[in-house]
């Protein structure tokens, strides 16, 4: 995979998402990918570019063995150095197209499905609903009204988790 991380010029209006799916993850376990990101202070994504100082949530797919998600919040500090580009592939996962060095703004935690719904005040409708990373750019304060509840849900979750 060709990695060509870039920083966009415009901050996102709402927290960006770095979501890992088990089918593309090291050990086929998205929770493990989130842990690798947390311990390496780096996130990788394929579909959307982040801006310096974007706030974000790194999240695993829903996992019924924990009845929830593994996640943490972060702030983008820049493009990841070359030494971190293979953080996931060294363990059997992907080499991501866009890689960012981050500052963690919360601890690594498990959020249950009921916690998610209580915090965000919306019903969980699948991994791509609130956590669809490639739709981040559509979550704008002046954007489509249908995205507003999902954007607010991200904001509530970020605020709940952040240190």
C-alpha atoms as a PDB file:
ATOM      1  CA  UNK A   1       0.000   0.000   0.000  1.00  0.00           C
ATOM      2  CA  UNK A   2       1.311   3.427  -0.927  1.00  0.00           C
ATOM      3  CA  UNK A   3       1.311   5.654   2.128  1.00  0.00           C
ATOM      4  CA  UNK A   4       1.062   9.351   1.400  1.00  0.00           C
ATOM      5  CA  UNK A   5      -0.200  10.992   4.535  1.00  0.00           C
ATOM      6  CA  UNK A   6      -1.226  14.595   4.199  1.00  0.00           C
ATOM      7  CA  UNK A   7      -2.690  17.134   6.540  1.00  0.00           C
ATOM      8  CA  UNK A   8      -5.759  19.014   5.383  1.00  0.00           C
ATOM      9  CA  UNK A   9      -6.016  22.728   6.017  1.00  0.00           C
ATOM     10  CA  UNK A  10      -9.474  22.806   7.596  1.00  0.00           C
ATOM     11  CA  UNK A  11     -10.202  21.431  11.042  1.00  0.00           C
ATOM     12  CA  UNK A  12     -13.188  19.145  11.283  1.00  0.00           C
ATOM     13  CA  UNK A  13     -16.238  20.602  13.006  1.00  0.00           C
ATOM     14  CA  UNK A  14     -16.772  17.393  14.994  1.00  0.00           C
ATOM     15  CA  UNK A  15     -14.446  14.615  16.166  1.00  0.00           C
ATOM     16  CA  UNK A  16     -12.911  12.569  13.356  1.00  0.00           C
ATOM     17  CA  UNK A  17     -12.937   8.781  13.461  1.00  0.00           C
ATOM     18  CA  UNK A  18     -10.174   6.190  13.113  1.00  0.00           C
ATOM     19  CA  UNK A  19     -12.169   2.936  13.070  1.00  0.00           C
ATOM     20  CA  UNK A  20     -10.596  -0.481  12.815  1.00  0.00           C
ATOM     21  CA  UNK A  21     -12.501  -3.477  11.495  1.00  0.00           C
ATOM     22  CA  UNK A  22     -11.672  -7.039  12.453  1.00  0.00           C
ATOM     23  CA  UNK A  23     -11.581  -8.273   8.848  1.00  0.00           C
ATOM     24  CA  UNK A  24      -8.683  -5.894   8.065  1.00  0.00           C
ATOM     25  CA  UNK A  25      -6.953  -6.037  11.436  1.00  0.00           C
ATOM     26  CA  UNK A  26      -3.934  -7.771  12.870  1.00  0.00           C
ATOM     27  CA  UNK A  27      -5.069 -11.046  14.453  1.00  0.00           C
ATOM     28  CA  UNK A  28      -8.454 -10.365  12.842  1.00  0.00           C
ATOM     29  CA  UNK A  29      -9.219  -8.378  15.996  1.00  0.00           C
ATOM     30  CA  UNK A  30     -10.094  -4.696  15.761  1.00  0.00           C
ATOM     31  CA  UNK A  31      -9.688  -4.320  19.530  1.00  0.00           C
ATOM     32  CA  UNK A  32      -6.018  -5.286  19.119  1.00  0.00           C
ATOM     33  CA  UNK A  33      -5.563  -2.651  16.385  1.00  0.00           C
ATOM     34  CA  UNK A  34      -6.948   0.036  18.696  1.00  0.00           C
ATOM     35  CA  UNK A  35      -4.513  -1.084  21.406  1.00  0.00           C
ATOM     36  CA  UNK A  36      -1.596  -0.899  18.934  1.00  0.00           C
ATOM     37  CA  UNK A  37      -2.634   2.647  18.023  1.00  0.00           C
ATOM     38  CA  UNK A  38      -2.956   3.624  21.654  1.00  0.00           C
ATOM     39  CA  UNK A  39       0.437   2.288  22.714  1.00  0.00           C
ATOM     40  CA  UNK A  40       2.186   3.688  19.607  1.00  0.00           C
ATOM     41  CA  UNK A  41       0.435   7.111  19.627  1.00  0.00           C
ATOM     42  CA  UNK A  42      -0.489   6.760  15.964  1.00  0.00           C
ATOM     43  CA  UNK A  43      -3.690   6.238  13.957  1.00  0.00           C
ATOM     44  CA  UNK A  44      -4.057   5.071  10.383  1.00  0.00           C
ATOM     45  CA  UNK A  45      -6.975   5.378   7.972  1.00  0.00           C
ATOM     46  CA  UNK A  46      -7.618   4.714   4.284  1.00  0.00           C
ATOM     47  CA  UNK A  47     -10.389   7.072   3.376  1.00  0.00           C
ATOM     48  CA  UNK A  48     -10.070  10.485   4.975  1.00  0.00           C
ATOM     49  CA  UNK A  49      -7.324  12.933   5.727  1.00  0.00           C
ATOM     50  CA  UNK A  50      -7.063  14.720   9.049  1.00  0.00           C
ATOM     51  CA  UNK A  51      -5.947  18.234   9.949  1.00  0.00           C
ATOM     52  CA  UNK A  52      -3.385  19.148  12.578  1.00  0.00           C
ATOM     53  CA  UNK A  53      -5.232  19.637  15.891  1.00  0.00           C
ATOM     54  CA  UNK A  54      -8.296  17.639  14.781  1.00  0.00           C
ATOM     55  CA  UNK A  55      -9.867  15.882  17.742  1.00  0.00           C
ATOM     56  CA  UNK A  56     -10.797  12.261  17.194  1.00  0.00           C
ATOM     57  CA  UNK A  57     -11.966   8.912  18.456  1.00  0.00           C
ATOM     58  CA  UNK A  58     -10.095   5.686  17.706  1.00  0.00           C
ATOM     59  CA  UNK A  59     -12.588   2.833  17.923  1.00  0.00           C
ATOM     60  CA  UNK A  60     -12.898  -0.895  17.286  1.00  0.00           C
ATOM     61  CA  UNK A  61     -15.879  -2.566  15.686  1.00  0.00           C
ATOM     62  CA  UNK A  62     -18.660  -3.564  18.042  1.00  0.00           C
ATOM     63  CA  UNK A  63     -17.621  -6.861  19.657  1.00  0.00           C
ATOM     64  CA  UNK A  64     -20.229  -9.029  21.357  1.00  0.00           C
ATOM     65  CA  UNK A  65     -17.570 -10.703  23.543  1.00  0.00           C
ATOM     66  CA  UNK A  66     -17.265  -7.392  25.429  1.00  0.00           C
ATOM     67  CA  UNK A  67     -20.744  -6.088  24.527  1.00  0.00           C
ATOM     68  CA  UNK A  68     -19.195  -2.928  23.191  1.00  0.00           C
ATOM     69  CA  UNK A  69     -16.186  -1.148  21.762  1.00  0.00           C
ATOM     70  CA  UNK A  70     -12.541  -0.497  22.688  1.00  0.00           C
ATOM     71  CA  UNK A  71     -11.750   3.163  22.182  1.00  0.00           C
ATOM     72  CA  UNK A  72      -9.794   6.223  23.163  1.00  0.00           C
ATOM     73  CA  UNK A  73      -9.757   9.869  22.155  1.00  0.00           C
ATOM     74  CA  UNK A  74      -6.900  11.774  20.580  1.00  0.00           C
ATOM     75  CA  UNK A  75      -5.660  15.012  19.077  1.00  0.00           C
ATOM     76  CA  UNK A  76      -3.776  14.946  15.754  1.00  0.00           C
ATOM     77  CA  UNK A  77      -0.299  16.440  16.134  1.00  0.00           C
ATOM     78  CA  UNK A  78       1.005  15.739  12.640  1.00  0.00           C
ATOM     79  CA  UNK A  79       1.933  13.190  10.020  1.00  0.00           C
ATOM     80  CA  UNK A  80       3.292   9.979  11.501  1.00  0.00           C
ATOM     81  CA  UNK A  81       7.044   9.482  11.202  1.00  0.00           C
ATOM     82  CA  UNK A  82       8.255   6.694   8.919  1.00  0.00           C
ATOM     83  CA  UNK A  83       9.156   4.586  11.947  1.00  0.00           C
ATOM     84  CA  UNK A  84       5.442   4.279  12.822  1.00  0.00           C
ATOM     85  CA  UNK A  85       4.018   3.528   9.367  1.00  0.00           C
ATOM     86  CA  UNK A  86       4.160  -0.241   9.845  1.00  0.00           C
ATOM     87  CA  UNK A  87       2.776  -0.318  13.385  1.00  0.00           C
ATOM     88  CA  UNK A  88      -0.097  -2.591  12.342  1.00  0.00           C
ATOM     89  CA  UNK A  89       1.456  -4.524   9.455  1.00  0.00           C
ATOM     90  CA  UNK A  90       4.318  -5.742  11.689  1.00  0.00           C
ATOM     91  CA  UNK A  91       1.605  -7.576  13.627  1.00  0.00           C
ATOM     92  CA  UNK A  92      -0.286  -8.879  10.585  1.00  0.00           C
ATOM     93  CA  UNK A  93      -2.607  -5.937   9.909  1.00  0.00           C
ATOM     94  CA  UNK A  94      -2.770  -3.303   7.188  1.00  0.00           C
ATOM     95  CA  UNK A  95      -0.392  -0.568   6.203  1.00  0.00           C
ATOM     96  CA  UNK A  96      -2.735   2.406   6.156  1.00  0.00           C
ATOM     97  CA  UNK A  97      -2.785   5.045   3.428  1.00  0.00           C
ATOM     98  CA  UNK A  98      -2.918   8.024   5.813  1.00  0.00           C
ATOM     99  CA  UNK A  99      -1.034   7.853   9.116  1.00  0.00           C
ATOM    100  CA  UNK A 100      -1.041  10.448  11.881  1.00  0.00           C
ATOM    101  CA  UNK A 101       0.916  10.923  15.044  1.00  0.00           C
ATOM    102  CA  UNK A 102      -1.435  11.668  17.896  1.00  0.00           C
ATOM    103  CA  UNK A 103      -1.587  12.877  21.459  1.00  0.00           C
ATOM    104  CA  UNK A 104      -3.909  10.673  23.508  1.00  0.00           C
ATOM    105  CA  UNK A 105      -6.608  12.641  25.318  1.00  0.00           C
ATOM    106  CA  UNK A 106      -8.184   9.739  27.206  1.00  0.00           C
ATOM    107  CA  UNK A 107      -7.315   6.335  28.516  1.00  0.00           C
ATOM    108  CA  UNK A 108      -7.985   3.179  26.519  1.00  0.00           C
ATOM    109  CA  UNK A 109     -11.385   1.945  27.630  1.00  0.00           C
ATOM    110  CA  UNK A 110     -14.317  -0.302  26.822  1.00  0.00           C
ATOM    111  CA  UNK A 111     -17.658   1.369  26.229  1.00  0.00           C
ATOM    112  CA  UNK A 112     -20.602  -1.021  26.378  1.00  0.00           C
ATOM    113  CA  UNK A 113     -23.470  -0.740  23.963  1.00  0.00           C
ATOM    114  CA  UNK A 114     -25.785   0.591  26.670  1.00  0.00           C
ATOM    115  CA  UNK A 115     -23.102   3.102  27.760  1.00  0.00           C
ATOM    116  CA  UNK A 116     -22.736   4.206  24.135  1.00  0.00           C
ATOM    117  CA  UNK A 117     -26.471   4.823  23.816  1.00  0.00           C
ATOM    118  CA  UNK A 118     -26.678   6.612  27.186  1.00  0.00           C
ATOM    119  CA  UNK A 119     -23.706   8.873  26.412  1.00  0.00           C
ATOM    120  CA  UNK A 120     -24.607   9.691  22.803  1.00  0.00           C
ATOM    121  CA  UNK A 121     -28.381   9.700  23.282  1.00  0.00           C
ATOM    122  CA  UNK A 122     -28.869   7.875  19.992  1.00  0.00           C
ATOM    123  CA  UNK A 123     -29.530   4.254  19.130  1.00  0.00           C
ATOM    124  CA  UNK A 124     -26.600   2.205  17.843  1.00  0.00           C
ATOM    125  CA  UNK A 125     -27.303   1.198  14.228  1.00  0.00           C
ATOM    126  CA  UNK A 126     -24.097  -0.578  13.213  1.00  0.00           C
ATOM    127  CA  UNK A 127     -20.411   0.243  13.061  1.00  0.00           C
ATOM    128  CA  UNK A 128     -20.756   2.571  10.089  1.00  0.00           C
ATOM    129  CA  UNK A 129     -23.465   4.710  11.627  1.00  0.00           C
ATOM    130  CA  UNK A 130     -21.678   7.088  14.013  1.00  0.00           C
ATOM    131  CA  UNK A 131     -18.207   5.674  13.380  1.00  0.00           C
ATOM    132  CA  UNK A 132     -18.046   5.897   9.582  1.00  0.00           C
ATOM    133  CA  UNK A 133     -14.666   7.588   9.114  1.00  0.00           C
ATOM    134  CA  UNK A 134     -15.046   8.419   5.430  1.00  0.00           C
ATOM    135  CA  UNK A 135     -18.159  10.475   6.206  1.00  0.00           C
ATOM    136  CA  UNK A 136     -16.294  12.735   8.642  1.00  0.00           C
ATOM    137  CA  UNK A 137     -16.111  15.563   6.119  1.00  0.00           C
ATOM    138  CA  UNK A 138     -19.916  15.537   5.826  1.00  0.00           C
ATOM    139  CA  UNK A 139     -20.335  16.254   9.528  1.00  0.00           C
ATOM    140  CA  UNK A 140     -20.219  20.023   9.302  1.00  0.00           C
ATOM    141  CA  UNK A 141     -22.057  22.592  11.385  1.00  0.00           C
ATOM    142  CA  UNK A 142     -23.575  23.862   8.128  1.00  0.00           C
ATOM    143  CA  UNK A 143     -24.004  20.372   6.645  1.00  0.00           C
ATOM    144  CA  UNK A 144     -26.988  18.120   6.044  1.00  0.00           C
ATOM    145  CA  UNK A 145     -29.390  17.917   8.950  1.00  0.00           C
ATOM    146  CA  UNK A 146     -29.469  14.094   8.719  1.00  0.00           C
ATOM    147  CA  UNK A 147     -25.800  13.968   9.823  1.00  0.00           C
ATOM    148  CA  UNK A 148     -26.277  16.315  12.769  1.00  0.00           C
ATOM    149  CA  UNK A 149     -27.369  13.678  15.368  1.00  0.00           C
ATOM    150  CA  UNK A 150     -24.373  11.488  14.488  1.00  0.00           C
ATOM    151  CA  UNK A 151     -22.013  14.458  14.694  1.00  0.00           C
ATOM    152  CA  UNK A 152     -23.405  15.470  18.084  1.00  0.00           C
ATOM    153  CA  UNK A 153     -23.087  11.833  19.231  1.00  0.00           C
ATOM    154  CA  UNK A 154     -19.371  11.942  18.374  1.00  0.00           C
ATOM    155  CA  UNK A 155     -18.986  15.184  20.280  1.00  0.00           C
ATOM    156  CA  UNK A 156     -20.713  13.766  23.373  1.00  0.00           C
ATOM    157  CA  UNK A 157     -18.628  10.605  23.271  1.00  0.00           C
ATOM    158  CA  UNK A 158     -15.397  12.583  22.892  1.00  0.00           C
ATOM    159  CA  UNK A 159     -16.297  14.855  25.798  1.00  0.00           C
ATOM    160  CA  UNK A 160     -17.267  11.885  27.967  1.00  0.00           C
ATOM    161  CA  UNK A 161     -13.989  10.052  27.374  1.00  0.00           C
ATOM    162  CA  UNK A 162     -11.499  12.923  27.322  1.00  0.00           C
ATOM    163  CA  UNK A 163      -9.188  13.611  30.228  1.00  0.00           C
END
